[in-house]
C-alpha atoms as a PDB file:
ATOM      1  CA  MET A   1       6.901 -53.576  21.688  1.00  0.00           C
ATOM      2  CA  ASP A   2      10.414 -53.426  23.137  1.00  0.00           C
ATOM      3  CA  LYS A   3      11.115 -56.078  25.756  1.00  0.00           C
ATOM      4  CA  ARG A   4      12.800 -55.631  29.134  1.00  0.00           C
ATOM      5  CA  LYS A   5      15.047 -57.967  31.107  1.00  0.00           C
ATOM      6  CA  LEU A   6      13.270 -59.365  34.167  1.00  0.00           C
ATOM      7  CA  GLY A   7      16.166 -59.045  36.583  1.00  0.00           C
ATOM      8  CA  ASN A   8      18.318 -62.180  36.766  1.00  0.00           C
ATOM      9  CA  THR A   9      15.566 -64.572  35.644  1.00  0.00           C
ATOM     10  CA  GLY A  10      16.676 -64.713  32.017  1.00  0.00           C
ATOM     11  CA  PHE A  11      13.213 -63.716  30.796  1.00  0.00           C
ATOM     12  CA  ASP A  12      12.551 -60.938  28.292  1.00  0.00           C
ATOM     13  CA  ILE A  13       9.168 -59.441  29.076  1.00  0.00           C
ATOM     14  CA  SER A  14       6.808 -56.838  27.721  1.00  0.00           C
ATOM     15  CA  PRO A  15       6.988 -53.600  29.748  1.00  0.00           C
ATOM     16  CA  ILE A  16       3.361 -54.074  30.797  1.00  0.00           C
ATOM     17  CA  ALA A  17       2.208 -57.193  32.638  1.00  0.00           C
ATOM     18  CA  PHE A  18      -1.439 -58.050  32.166  1.00  0.00           C
ATOM     19  CA  GLY A  19      -3.180 -58.541  35.497  1.00  0.00           C
ATOM     20  CA  GLY A  20      -5.305 -61.673  35.385  1.00  0.00           C
ATOM     21  CA  ASN A  21      -7.230 -60.946  38.572  1.00  0.00           C
ATOM     22  CA  VAL A  22     -10.158 -59.775  36.419  1.00  0.00           C
ATOM     23  CA  PHE A  23     -10.554 -63.168  34.720  1.00  0.00           C
ATOM     24  CA  GLY A  24     -13.552 -64.915  36.211  1.00  0.00           C
ATOM     25  CA  TRP A  25     -14.336 -61.865  38.335  1.00  0.00           C
ATOM     26  CA  THR A  26     -15.295 -58.775  36.347  1.00  0.00           C
ATOM     27  CA  ILE A  27     -15.059 -60.434  32.913  1.00  0.00           C
ATOM     28  CA  ASP A  28     -16.156 -63.865  31.739  1.00  0.00           C
ATOM     29  CA  GLU A  29     -14.140 -66.394  29.746  1.00  0.00           C
ATOM     30  CA  PRO A  30     -15.061 -65.236  26.201  1.00  0.00           C
ATOM     31  CA  THR A  31     -14.184 -61.625  27.050  1.00  0.00           C
ATOM     32  CA  SER A  32     -10.991 -62.772  28.770  1.00  0.00           C
ATOM     33  CA  PHE A  33      -9.977 -64.611  25.594  1.00  0.00           C
ATOM     34  CA  LYS A  34     -10.490 -61.450  23.503  1.00  0.00           C
ATOM     35  CA  ILE A  35      -8.395 -59.387  25.917  1.00  0.00           C
ATOM     36  CA  LEU A  36      -5.584 -61.957  25.982  1.00  0.00           C
ATOM     37  CA  ASP A  37      -5.627 -62.215  22.193  1.00  0.00           C
ATOM     38  CA  GLY A  38      -5.381 -58.436  21.914  1.00  0.00           C
ATOM     39  CA  PHE A  39      -2.603 -58.206  24.479  1.00  0.00           C
ATOM     40  CA  CYS A  40      -0.471 -60.791  22.688  1.00  0.00           C
ATOM     41  CA  ALA A  41      -1.220 -59.383  19.227  1.00  0.00           C
ATOM     42  CA  ALA A  42       0.228 -56.067  20.431  1.00  0.00           C
ATOM     43  CA  GLY A  43       3.431 -57.762  21.589  1.00  0.00           C
ATOM     44  CA  GLY A  44       2.548 -58.452  25.214  1.00  0.00           C
ATOM     45  CA  ASN A  45       3.908 -61.674  26.687  1.00  0.00           C
ATOM     46  CA  PHE A  46       3.825 -61.171  30.468  1.00  0.00           C
ATOM     47  CA  ILE A  47       0.684 -62.435  32.272  1.00  0.00           C
ATOM     48  CA  ASP A  48       0.171 -62.283  36.031  1.00  0.00           C
ATOM     49  CA  THR A  49      -2.262 -64.435  38.004  1.00  0.00           C
ATOM     50  CA  ALA A  50      -2.543 -66.293  41.335  1.00  0.00           C
ATOM     51  CA  ASP A  51      -4.209 -69.402  42.715  1.00  0.00           C
ATOM     52  CA  ILE A  52      -6.577 -67.310  44.830  1.00  0.00           C
ATOM     53  CA  TYR A  53      -7.957 -65.256  41.907  1.00  0.00           C
ATOM     54  CA  SER A  54     -10.882 -64.725  42.269  1.00  0.00           C
ATOM     55  CA  ARG A  55     -12.008 -66.538  45.398  1.00  0.00           C
ATOM     56  CA  TRP A  56     -13.595 -63.369  46.782  1.00  0.00           C
ATOM     57  CA  LYS A  57     -16.401 -63.364  44.202  1.00  0.00           C
ATOM     58  CA  PRO A  58     -19.555 -65.060  45.489  1.00  0.00           C
ATOM     59  CA  GLY A  59     -19.768 -68.555  44.063  1.00  0.00           C
ATOM     60  CA  ASN A  60     -16.051 -68.775  43.260  1.00  0.00           C
ATOM     61  CA  GLN A  61     -13.595 -71.023  45.072  1.00  0.00           C
ATOM     62  CA  GLY A  62     -10.280 -69.721  43.739  1.00  0.00           C
ATOM     63  CA  GLY A  63      -8.385 -70.806  40.659  1.00  0.00           C
ATOM     64  CA  GLU A  64     -10.871 -69.266  38.229  1.00  0.00           C
ATOM     65  CA  SER A  65      -8.271 -66.984  36.646  1.00  0.00           C
ATOM     66  CA  GLU A  66      -5.748 -69.784  36.165  1.00  0.00           C
ATOM     67  CA  THR A  67      -8.454 -71.993  34.667  1.00  0.00           C
ATOM     68  CA  ILE A  68      -9.422 -69.348  32.118  1.00  0.00           C
ATOM     69  CA  ILE A  69      -5.778 -68.758  31.206  1.00  0.00           C
ATOM     70  CA  GLY A  70      -5.278 -72.503  30.859  1.00  0.00           C
ATOM     71  CA  ASN A  71      -8.259 -72.834  28.545  1.00  0.00           C
ATOM     72  CA  TRP A  72      -6.961 -69.930  26.470  1.00  0.00           C
ATOM     73  CA  LEU A  73      -3.448 -71.435  26.300  1.00  0.00           C
ATOM     74  CA  LYS A  74      -4.897 -74.707  25.032  1.00  0.00           C
ATOM     75  CA  ARG A  75      -6.676 -72.834  22.257  1.00  0.00           C
ATOM     76  CA  ALA A  76      -3.921 -70.325  21.436  1.00  0.00           C
ATOM     77  CA  ARG A  77      -1.044 -72.862  21.429  1.00  0.00           C
ATOM     78  CA  ASN A  78       1.451 -70.106  22.304  1.00  0.00           C
ATOM     79  CA  ARG A  79       2.730 -71.184  25.724  1.00  0.00           C
ATOM     80  CA  HIS A  80       6.382 -71.037  24.591  1.00  0.00           C
ATOM     81  CA  LYS A  81       6.052 -67.331  23.748  1.00  0.00           C
ATOM     82  CA  LEU A  82       4.764 -66.284  27.177  1.00  0.00           C
ATOM     83  CA  VAL A  83       6.075 -65.547  30.656  1.00  0.00           C
ATOM     84  CA  ILE A  84       3.378 -66.545  33.133  1.00  0.00           C
ATOM     85  CA  VAL A  85       3.421 -65.563  36.790  1.00  0.00           C
ATOM     86  CA  THR A  86       1.317 -67.239  39.429  1.00  0.00           C
ATOM     87  CA  LYS A  87       1.420 -67.201  43.210  1.00  0.00           C
ATOM     88  CA  VAL A  88       0.952 -69.310  46.324  1.00  0.00           C
ATOM     89  CA  GLY A  89       0.320 -68.590  49.983  1.00  0.00           C
ATOM     90  CA  MET A  90      -3.003 -66.784  50.306  1.00  0.00           C
ATOM     91  CA  ASP A  91      -5.865 -68.513  52.107  1.00  0.00           C
ATOM     92  CA  MET A  92      -7.633 -70.902  49.745  1.00  0.00           C
ATOM     93  CA  GLY A  93      -9.897 -72.260  52.483  1.00  0.00           C
ATOM     94  CA  ASP A  94      -9.894 -75.604  54.309  1.00  0.00           C
ATOM     95  CA  GLY A  95      -6.526 -74.786  55.848  1.00  0.00           C
ATOM     96  CA  LYS A  96      -4.848 -74.370  52.457  1.00  0.00           C
ATOM     97  CA  ALA A  97      -2.631 -71.363  53.086  1.00  0.00           C
ATOM     98  CA  GLY A  98       0.898 -70.316  53.934  1.00  0.00           C
ATOM     99  CA  LEU A  99       4.369 -71.184  52.707  1.00  0.00           C
ATOM    100  CA  ARG A 100       5.195 -74.536  54.280  1.00  0.00           C
ATOM    101  CA  LYS A 101       6.813 -76.973  51.867  1.00  0.00           C
ATOM    102  CA  ALA A 102       3.927 -79.429  51.525  1.00  0.00           C
ATOM    103  CA  HIS A 103       1.452 -76.663  50.702  1.00  0.00           C
ATOM    104  CA  ILE A 104       3.742 -75.068  48.110  1.00  0.00           C
ATOM    105  CA  ILE A 105       4.375 -78.378  46.360  1.00  0.00           C
ATOM    106  CA  GLN A 106       0.667 -79.270  46.230  1.00  0.00           C
ATOM    107  CA  SER A 107      -0.355 -75.755  45.205  1.00  0.00           C
ATOM    108  CA  ALA A 108       2.123 -75.787  42.325  1.00  0.00           C
ATOM    109  CA  GLU A 109       0.601 -79.047  41.082  1.00  0.00           C
ATOM    110  CA  ASP A 110      -2.898 -77.560  41.359  1.00  0.00           C
ATOM    111  CA  SER A 111      -1.875 -74.414  39.471  1.00  0.00           C
ATOM    112  CA  LEU A 112      -0.182 -76.414  36.715  1.00  0.00           C
ATOM    113  CA  LYS A 113      -3.314 -78.506  36.290  1.00  0.00           C
ATOM    114  CA  ARG A 114      -5.512 -75.412  35.989  1.00  0.00           C
ATOM    115  CA  LEU A 115      -3.043 -73.707  33.631  1.00  0.00           C
ATOM    116  CA  GLN A 116      -2.829 -76.912  31.561  1.00  0.00           C
ATOM    117  CA  CYS A 117       0.931 -76.646  31.222  1.00  0.00           C
ATOM    118  CA  ASP A 118       4.103 -78.318  32.490  1.00  0.00           C
ATOM    119  CA  TYR A 119       5.910 -75.389  34.083  1.00  0.00           C
ATOM    120  CA  ILE A 120       5.431 -72.027  35.776  1.00  0.00           C
ATOM    121  CA  ASP A 121       7.820 -69.337  34.563  1.00  0.00           C
ATOM    122  CA  LEU A 122       7.744 -67.236  37.717  1.00  0.00           C
ATOM    123  CA  TYR A 123       6.292 -68.531  40.993  1.00  0.00           C
ATOM    124  CA  LEU A 124       5.758 -65.997  43.754  1.00  0.00           C
ATOM    125  CA  SER A 125       5.228 -66.243  47.481  1.00  0.00           C
ATOM    126  CA  HIS A 126       2.017 -64.229  47.513  1.00  0.00           C
ATOM    127  CA  THR A 127       2.444 -62.941  51.052  1.00  0.00           C
ATOM    128  CA  ASP A 128       4.967 -63.454  53.822  1.00  0.00           C
ATOM    129  CA  ASP A 129       4.304 -66.357  56.189  1.00  0.00           C
ATOM    130  CA  PRO A 130       6.113 -65.752  59.499  1.00  0.00           C
ATOM    131  CA  THR A 131       5.159 -69.247  60.690  1.00  0.00           C
ATOM    132  CA  ALA A 132       7.102 -70.940  57.886  1.00  0.00           C
ATOM    133  CA  PRO A 133      10.911 -71.023  58.135  1.00  0.00           C
ATOM    134  CA  LEU A 134      12.340 -69.221  55.123  1.00  0.00           C
ATOM    135  CA  GLU A 135      14.743 -72.072  54.437  1.00  0.00           C
ATOM    136  CA  GLU A 136      11.786 -74.494  54.245  1.00  0.00           C
ATOM    137  CA  THR A 137       9.945 -72.236  51.811  1.00  0.00           C
ATOM    138  CA  LEU A 138      13.002 -71.795  49.610  1.00  0.00           C
ATOM    139  CA  ALA A 139      13.763 -75.531  49.740  1.00  0.00           C
ATOM    140  CA  ALA A 140      10.276 -76.205  48.360  1.00  0.00           C
ATOM    141  CA  TYR A 141      10.995 -73.918  45.438  1.00  0.00           C
ATOM    142  CA  GLN A 142      14.362 -75.616  44.960  1.00  0.00           C
ATOM    143  CA  GLN A 143      12.593 -78.962  44.548  1.00  0.00           C
ATOM    144  CA  LEU A 144      10.146 -77.519  42.017  1.00  0.00           C
ATOM    145  CA  ILE A 145      12.969 -75.892  40.051  1.00  0.00           C
ATOM    146  CA  LYS A 146      14.965 -79.138  39.961  1.00  0.00           C
ATOM    147  CA  GLN A 147      11.854 -80.929  38.699  1.00  0.00           C
ATOM    148  CA  GLY A 148      11.469 -78.359  35.915  1.00  0.00           C
ATOM    149  CA  LYS A 149       8.074 -77.263  37.179  1.00  0.00           C
ATOM    150  CA  VAL A 150       9.196 -73.744  38.124  1.00  0.00           C
ATOM    151  CA  ARG A 151      11.817 -71.609  36.372  1.00  0.00           C
ATOM    152  CA  ALA A 152      12.280 -68.634  38.707  1.00  0.00           C
ATOM    153  CA  ILE A 153      10.854 -67.376  41.994  1.00  0.00           C
ATOM    154  CA  GLY A 154       9.931 -64.100  43.612  1.00  0.00           C
ATOM    155  CA  ALA A 155       8.140 -62.547  46.551  1.00  0.00           C
ATOM    156  CA  SER A 156       5.017 -60.435  46.841  1.00  0.00           C
ATOM    157  CA  ASN A 157       3.967 -58.249  49.759  1.00  0.00           C
ATOM    158  CA  TYR A 158       7.252 -58.754  51.626  1.00  0.00           C
ATOM    159  CA  LYS A 159       8.647 -56.024  53.839  1.00  0.00           C
ATOM    160  CA  ALA A 160      12.254 -55.000  53.349  1.00  0.00           C
ATOM    161  CA  ASP A 161      13.608 -56.746  56.450  1.00  0.00           C
ATOM    162  CA  ARG A 162      12.032 -60.096  55.540  1.00  0.00           C
ATOM    163  CA  LEU A 163      13.118 -59.846  51.916  1.00  0.00           C
ATOM    164  CA  ALA A 164      16.668 -59.107  53.050  1.00  0.00           C
ATOM    165  CA  GLU A 165      16.526 -62.082  55.424  1.00  0.00           C
ATOM    166  CA  ALA A 166      15.326 -64.349  52.620  1.00  0.00           C
ATOM    167  CA  LEU A 167      18.192 -63.201  50.385  1.00  0.00           C
ATOM    168  CA  ALA A 168      20.698 -63.921  53.147  1.00  0.00           C
ATOM    169  CA  ILE A 169      19.300 -67.426  53.709  1.00  0.00           C
ATOM    170  CA  SER A 170      19.419 -68.162  49.986  1.00  0.00           C
ATOM    171  CA  LYS A 171      23.095 -67.282  49.965  1.00  0.00           C
ATOM    172  CA  GLU A 172      23.959 -69.114  53.192  1.00  0.00           C
ATOM    173  CA  TYR A 173      22.235 -72.381  52.278  1.00  0.00           C
ATOM    174  CA  ASP A 174      22.698 -72.224  48.494  1.00  0.00           C
ATOM    175  CA  LEU A 175      18.958 -72.080  47.895  1.00  0.00           C
ATOM    176  CA  PRO A 176      17.037 -70.369  45.065  1.00  0.00           C
ATOM    177  CA  ARG A 177      16.785 -66.608  45.430  1.00  0.00           C
ATOM    178  CA  TYR A 178      13.831 -64.275  45.151  1.00  0.00           C
ATOM    179  CA  ASP A 179      14.797 -62.486  41.929  1.00  0.00           C
ATOM    180  CA  VAL A 180      11.550 -60.542  41.584  1.00  0.00           C
ATOM    181  CA  LEU A 181       9.511 -58.430  43.976  1.00  0.00           C
ATOM    182  CA  GLN A 182       5.847 -57.699  43.345  1.00  0.00           C
ATOM    183  CA  THR A 183       4.626 -54.856  45.501  1.00  0.00           C
ATOM    184  CA  HIS A 184       1.998 -52.118  45.779  1.00  0.00           C
ATOM    185  CA  TYR A 185       3.257 -49.015  43.989  1.00  0.00           C
ATOM    186  CA  ASN A 186       1.704 -46.176  42.022  1.00  0.00           C
ATOM    187  CA  LEU A 187       1.426 -42.387  42.040  1.00  0.00           C
ATOM    188  CA  CYS A 188      -0.906 -42.534  45.041  1.00  0.00           C
ATOM    189  CA  GLU A 189       1.092 -45.115  47.020  1.00  0.00           C
ATOM    190  CA  ARG A 190       4.789 -44.296  46.945  1.00  0.00           C
ATOM    191  CA  SER A 191       6.454 -44.414  50.360  1.00  0.00           C
ATOM    192  CA  GLY A 192       5.847 -48.126  51.038  1.00  0.00           C
ATOM    193  CA  TYR A 193       8.170 -48.990  48.172  1.00  0.00           C
ATOM    194  CA  GLU A 194      10.492 -46.011  47.825  1.00  0.00           C
ATOM    195  CA  LEU A 195      11.751 -45.731  51.403  1.00  0.00           C
ATOM    196  CA  GLU A 196      13.133 -49.224  52.050  1.00  0.00           C
ATOM    197  CA  LEU A 197      12.212 -51.739  49.368  1.00  0.00           C
ATOM    198  CA  GLU A 198      13.511 -49.777  46.396  1.00  0.00           C
ATOM    199  CA  PRO A 199      17.083 -49.376  47.735  1.00  0.00           C
ATOM    200  CA  LEU A 200      17.142 -53.083  48.614  1.00  0.00           C
ATOM    201  CA  CYS A 201      15.962 -54.102  45.150  1.00  0.00           C
ATOM    202  CA  VAL A 202      18.460 -51.848  43.396  1.00  0.00           C
ATOM    203  CA  LYS A 203      21.355 -53.071  45.556  1.00  0.00           C
ATOM    204  CA  ASN A 204      20.518 -56.733  44.955  1.00  0.00           C
ATOM    205  CA  HIS A 205      19.439 -56.445  41.304  1.00  0.00           C
ATOM    206  CA  ILE A 206      15.900 -57.585  42.054  1.00  0.00           C
ATOM    207  CA  ALA A 207      13.305 -56.836  39.379  1.00  0.00           C
ATOM    208  CA  MET A 208      10.216 -55.028  40.617  1.00  0.00           C
ATOM    209  CA  ILE A 209       6.751 -55.442  39.141  1.00  0.00           C
ATOM    210  CA  SER A 210       4.105 -53.186  40.647  1.00  0.00           C
ATOM    211  CA  TYR A 211       0.525 -54.157  41.380  1.00  0.00           C
ATOM    212  CA  TRP A 212      -2.438 -51.803  41.673  1.00  0.00           C
ATOM    213  CA  SER A 213      -0.419 -49.686  39.281  1.00  0.00           C
ATOM    214  CA  LEU A 214      -3.492 -47.555  38.537  1.00  0.00           C
ATOM    215  CA  ALA A 215      -4.588 -47.346  42.194  1.00  0.00           C
ATOM    216  CA  LYS A 216      -7.566 -49.665  41.652  1.00  0.00           C
ATOM    217  CA  GLY A 217      -8.685 -47.524  38.716  1.00  0.00           C
ATOM    218  CA  PHE A 218      -8.435 -44.114  40.385  1.00  0.00           C
ATOM    219  CA  LEU A 219      -5.575 -43.022  38.113  1.00  0.00           C
ATOM    220  CA  THR A 220      -7.698 -43.618  35.023  1.00  0.00           C
ATOM    221  CA  GLY A 221      -9.682 -40.519  35.996  1.00  0.00           C
ATOM    222  CA  LYS A 222     -12.849 -42.556  36.284  1.00  0.00           C
ATOM    223  CA  TYR A 223     -13.497 -41.537  39.892  1.00  0.00           C
ATOM    224  CA  ARG A 224     -13.599 -37.801  40.553  1.00  0.00           C
ATOM    225  CA  SER A 225     -16.125 -37.619  43.380  1.00  0.00           C
ATOM    226  CA  GLU A 226     -17.725 -39.935  45.923  1.00  0.00           C
ATOM    227  CA  SER A 227     -20.751 -40.228  43.667  1.00  0.00           C
ATOM    228  CA  ASP A 228     -18.525 -41.932  41.086  1.00  0.00           C
ATOM    229  CA  LEU A 229     -17.652 -44.802  43.411  1.00  0.00           C
ATOM    230  CA  ASN A 230     -20.669 -46.845  42.289  1.00  0.00           C
ATOM    231  CA  LYS A 231     -19.374 -46.986  38.711  1.00  0.00           C
ATOM    232  CA  SER A 232     -17.605 -50.268  39.403  1.00  0.00           C
ATOM    233  CA  VAL A 233     -17.507 -53.161  41.857  1.00  0.00           C
ATOM    234  CA  ARG A 234     -13.983 -51.910  42.649  1.00  0.00           C
ATOM    235  CA  GLY A 235     -15.133 -48.342  43.274  1.00  0.00           C
ATOM    236  CA  GLU A 236     -15.247 -48.462  47.045  1.00  0.00           C
ATOM    237  CA  GLY A 237     -11.556 -49.321  47.081  1.00  0.00           C
ATOM    238  CA  VAL A 238     -10.595 -45.856  45.823  1.00  0.00           C
ATOM    239  CA  ARG A 239     -12.504 -43.843  48.429  1.00  0.00           C
ATOM    240  CA  LYS A 240      -9.256 -43.094  50.285  1.00  0.00           C
ATOM    241  CA  TYR A 241      -7.922 -41.256  47.216  1.00  0.00           C
ATOM    242  CA  ILE A 242     -10.894 -38.873  46.981  1.00  0.00           C
ATOM    243  CA  ASN A 243      -9.105 -35.974  48.672  1.00  0.00           C
ATOM    244  CA  ASP A 244      -6.979 -32.924  47.887  1.00  0.00           C
ATOM    245  CA  ARG A 245      -3.866 -34.956  47.119  1.00  0.00           C
ATOM    246  CA  GLY A 246      -5.786 -37.308  44.865  1.00  0.00           C
ATOM    247  CA  PHE A 247      -7.339 -34.419  42.956  1.00  0.00           C
ATOM    248  CA  ARG A 248      -3.884 -32.825  42.630  1.00  0.00           C
ATOM    249  CA  ILE A 249      -2.564 -36.019  41.041  1.00  0.00           C
ATOM    250  CA  LEU A 250      -5.523 -36.235  38.656  1.00  0.00           C
ATOM    251  CA  ALA A 251      -5.021 -32.600  37.623  1.00  0.00           C
ATOM    252  CA  ALA A 252      -1.407 -33.293  36.739  1.00  0.00           C
ATOM    253  CA  LEU A 253      -2.405 -36.417  34.810  1.00  0.00           C
ATOM    254  CA  ASP A 254      -5.069 -34.464  32.917  1.00  0.00           C
ATOM    255  CA  GLN A 255      -2.571 -31.777  31.927  1.00  0.00           C
ATOM    256  CA  LEU A 256      -0.003 -34.277  30.728  1.00  0.00           C
ATOM    257  CA  ALA A 257      -2.635 -36.393  28.975  1.00  0.00           C
ATOM    258  CA  SER A 258      -3.526 -33.318  26.944  1.00  0.00           C
ATOM    259  CA  ARG A 259       0.132 -32.550  26.244  1.00  0.00           C
ATOM    260  CA  TYR A 260       0.956 -36.091  25.110  1.00  0.00           C
ATOM    261  CA  ASP A 261      -2.420 -36.731  23.434  1.00  0.00           C
ATOM    262  CA  ALA A 262      -3.012 -39.708  25.680  1.00  0.00           C
ATOM    263  CA  GLN A 263      -5.287 -41.045  28.410  1.00  0.00           C
ATOM    264  CA  PRO A 264      -4.565 -40.360  32.117  1.00  0.00           C
ATOM    265  CA  ALA A 265      -4.058 -44.108  32.666  1.00  0.00           C
ATOM    266  CA  SER A 266      -1.369 -44.179  29.981  1.00  0.00           C
ATOM    267  CA  ILE A 267       0.467 -41.286  31.642  1.00  0.00           C
ATOM    268  CA  ALA A 268       0.266 -42.919  35.088  1.00  0.00           C
ATOM    269  CA  LEU A 269       1.787 -46.117  33.700  1.00  0.00           C
ATOM    270  CA  ALA A 270       4.404 -44.174  31.728  1.00  0.00           C
ATOM    271  CA  TRP A 271       5.516 -42.567  35.019  1.00  0.00           C
ATOM    272  CA  LEU A 272       6.095 -46.042  36.446  1.00  0.00           C
ATOM    273  CA  LEU A 273       7.918 -47.171  33.321  1.00  0.00           C
ATOM    274  CA  ALA A 274      10.225 -44.158  33.570  1.00  0.00           C
ATOM    275  CA  ARG A 275      11.421 -45.128  37.054  1.00  0.00           C
ATOM    276  CA  PRO A 276      14.666 -47.112  36.650  1.00  0.00           C
ATOM    277  CA  SER A 277      13.880 -49.577  39.451  1.00  0.00           C
ATOM    278  CA  VAL A 278      10.494 -50.563  38.005  1.00  0.00           C
ATOM    279  CA  THR A 279      10.679 -53.380  35.472  1.00  0.00           C
ATOM    280  CA  ALA A 280       7.006 -53.652  34.572  1.00  0.00           C
ATOM    281  CA  PRO A 281       3.751 -52.396  36.081  1.00  0.00           C
ATOM    282  CA  ILE A 282       0.831 -54.809  36.233  1.00  0.00           C
ATOM    283  CA  ALA A 283      -2.436 -53.461  34.889  1.00  0.00           C
ATOM    284  CA  SER A 284      -5.809 -54.955  34.013  1.00  0.00           C
ATOM    285  CA  ALA A 285      -8.422 -54.190  31.385  1.00  0.00           C
ATOM    286  CA  THR A 286     -11.979 -55.369  30.952  1.00  0.00           C
ATOM    287  CA  SER A 287     -12.437 -54.143  27.364  1.00  0.00           C
ATOM    288  CA  LEU A 288     -10.317 -53.672  24.253  1.00  0.00           C
ATOM    289  CA  PRO A 289     -10.401 -49.843  24.487  1.00  0.00           C
ATOM    290  CA  GLN A 290      -9.100 -50.088  28.051  1.00  0.00           C
ATOM    291  CA  LEU A 291      -6.384 -52.446  26.863  1.00  0.00           C
ATOM    292  CA  GLU A 292      -5.334 -49.917  24.222  1.00  0.00           C
ATOM    293  CA  SER A 293      -4.839 -47.236  26.882  1.00  0.00           C
ATOM    294  CA  LEU A 294      -2.581 -49.580  28.862  1.00  0.00           C
ATOM    295  CA  LEU A 295      -0.486 -50.542  25.861  1.00  0.00           C
ATOM    296  CA  ALA A 296      -0.194 -46.912  24.771  1.00  0.00           C
ATOM    297  CA  ALA A 297       1.929 -46.265  27.855  1.00  0.00           C
ATOM    298  CA  THR A 298       4.778 -48.228  26.294  1.00  0.00           C
ATOM    299  CA  GLN A 299       5.006 -45.614  23.513  1.00  0.00           C
ATOM    300  CA  ILE A 300       5.070 -42.582  25.825  1.00  0.00           C
ATOM    301  CA  HIS A 301       8.438 -41.290  26.964  1.00  0.00           C
ATOM    302  CA  LEU A 302       7.891 -38.654  29.621  1.00  0.00           C
ATOM    303  CA  ASP A 303      10.498 -35.917  29.740  1.00  0.00           C
ATOM    304  CA  ASN A 304      12.099 -34.756  32.989  1.00  0.00           C
ATOM    305  CA  GLU A 305       9.649 -31.867  33.324  1.00  0.00           C
ATOM    306  CA  ALA A 306       6.662 -34.201  33.117  1.00  0.00           C
ATOM    307  CA  ILE A 307       8.146 -36.646  35.602  1.00  0.00           C
ATOM    308  CA  GLU A 308       8.893 -33.857  38.052  1.00  0.00           C
ATOM    309  CA  GLN A 309       5.359 -32.487  37.670  1.00  0.00           C
ATOM    310  CA  LEU A 310       3.948 -35.873  38.670  1.00  0.00           C
ATOM    311  CA  ASN A 311       6.477 -36.287  41.472  1.00  0.00           C
ATOM    312  CA  LYS A 312       5.447 -32.956  42.973  1.00  0.00           C
ATOM    313  CA  ALA A 313       1.729 -33.605  42.587  1.00  0.00           C
ATOM    314  CA  SER A 314       2.048 -36.951  44.348  1.00  0.00           C
ATOM    315  CA  ALA A 315       4.605 -35.922  46.983  1.00  0.00           C
END
């Protein structure tokens, strides 16, 4: 699997990032281990998680995904071959939220303990915190970088104006810079990234990794009517795509899947991979066959006609 440069971070990553939000949520630890083994055996080295994954599941408290990854790392003994992303800032309960310095420092320690390792490759501000001065947030990351506990930083769920402000503060105060943006982007959700964030990322050489790259599973073709929504615990999240535009996108994916002898999910990810400003889409799998369809995207090179067909269907 050919690697890609992750912006200015110095990391070479697989063109697909595995989304660890499913670990401890929709799949248990043994299944998670099998998926991670398969991902790495195929050449994948980019794993995305967060401290809050998966606090929303009844009985969970957050940190379950990191804990599973940590247990797997201890068994696999391959930490040096991987680029691991985790995040801070979402509400962990008991007032543990936001991007003030003390919370970032403590959260990094907690994540490292769960991951059972000494450093985080890429640490992301999971969501903007308007109550925390940007210079305080960036100074916290500076401390962690100097200590060798974090290697690079990025932002998730930032709007263009706040990301631009953060970049300006980094330059003015000689603080670490957000070199990666993680944002919501796929064939169904385009304008939020393309209108303002994409030009900013291109201008400033910021790598972009997309989340919900398959629109919560809609772009796999699994959901084709409202009656299909009960197929998964995530089904209700795709209701907003069950409309004429959504069906138009699925029709285009079906046609191209037939043409390229591939799955719709592989085509949807290949469309993301073909966009110059996208470094790597994040995608999850709960079984080895699903994982194969994600990895297959890295071998599909859509021609201009195919890309334009998808652009028009999703316009």
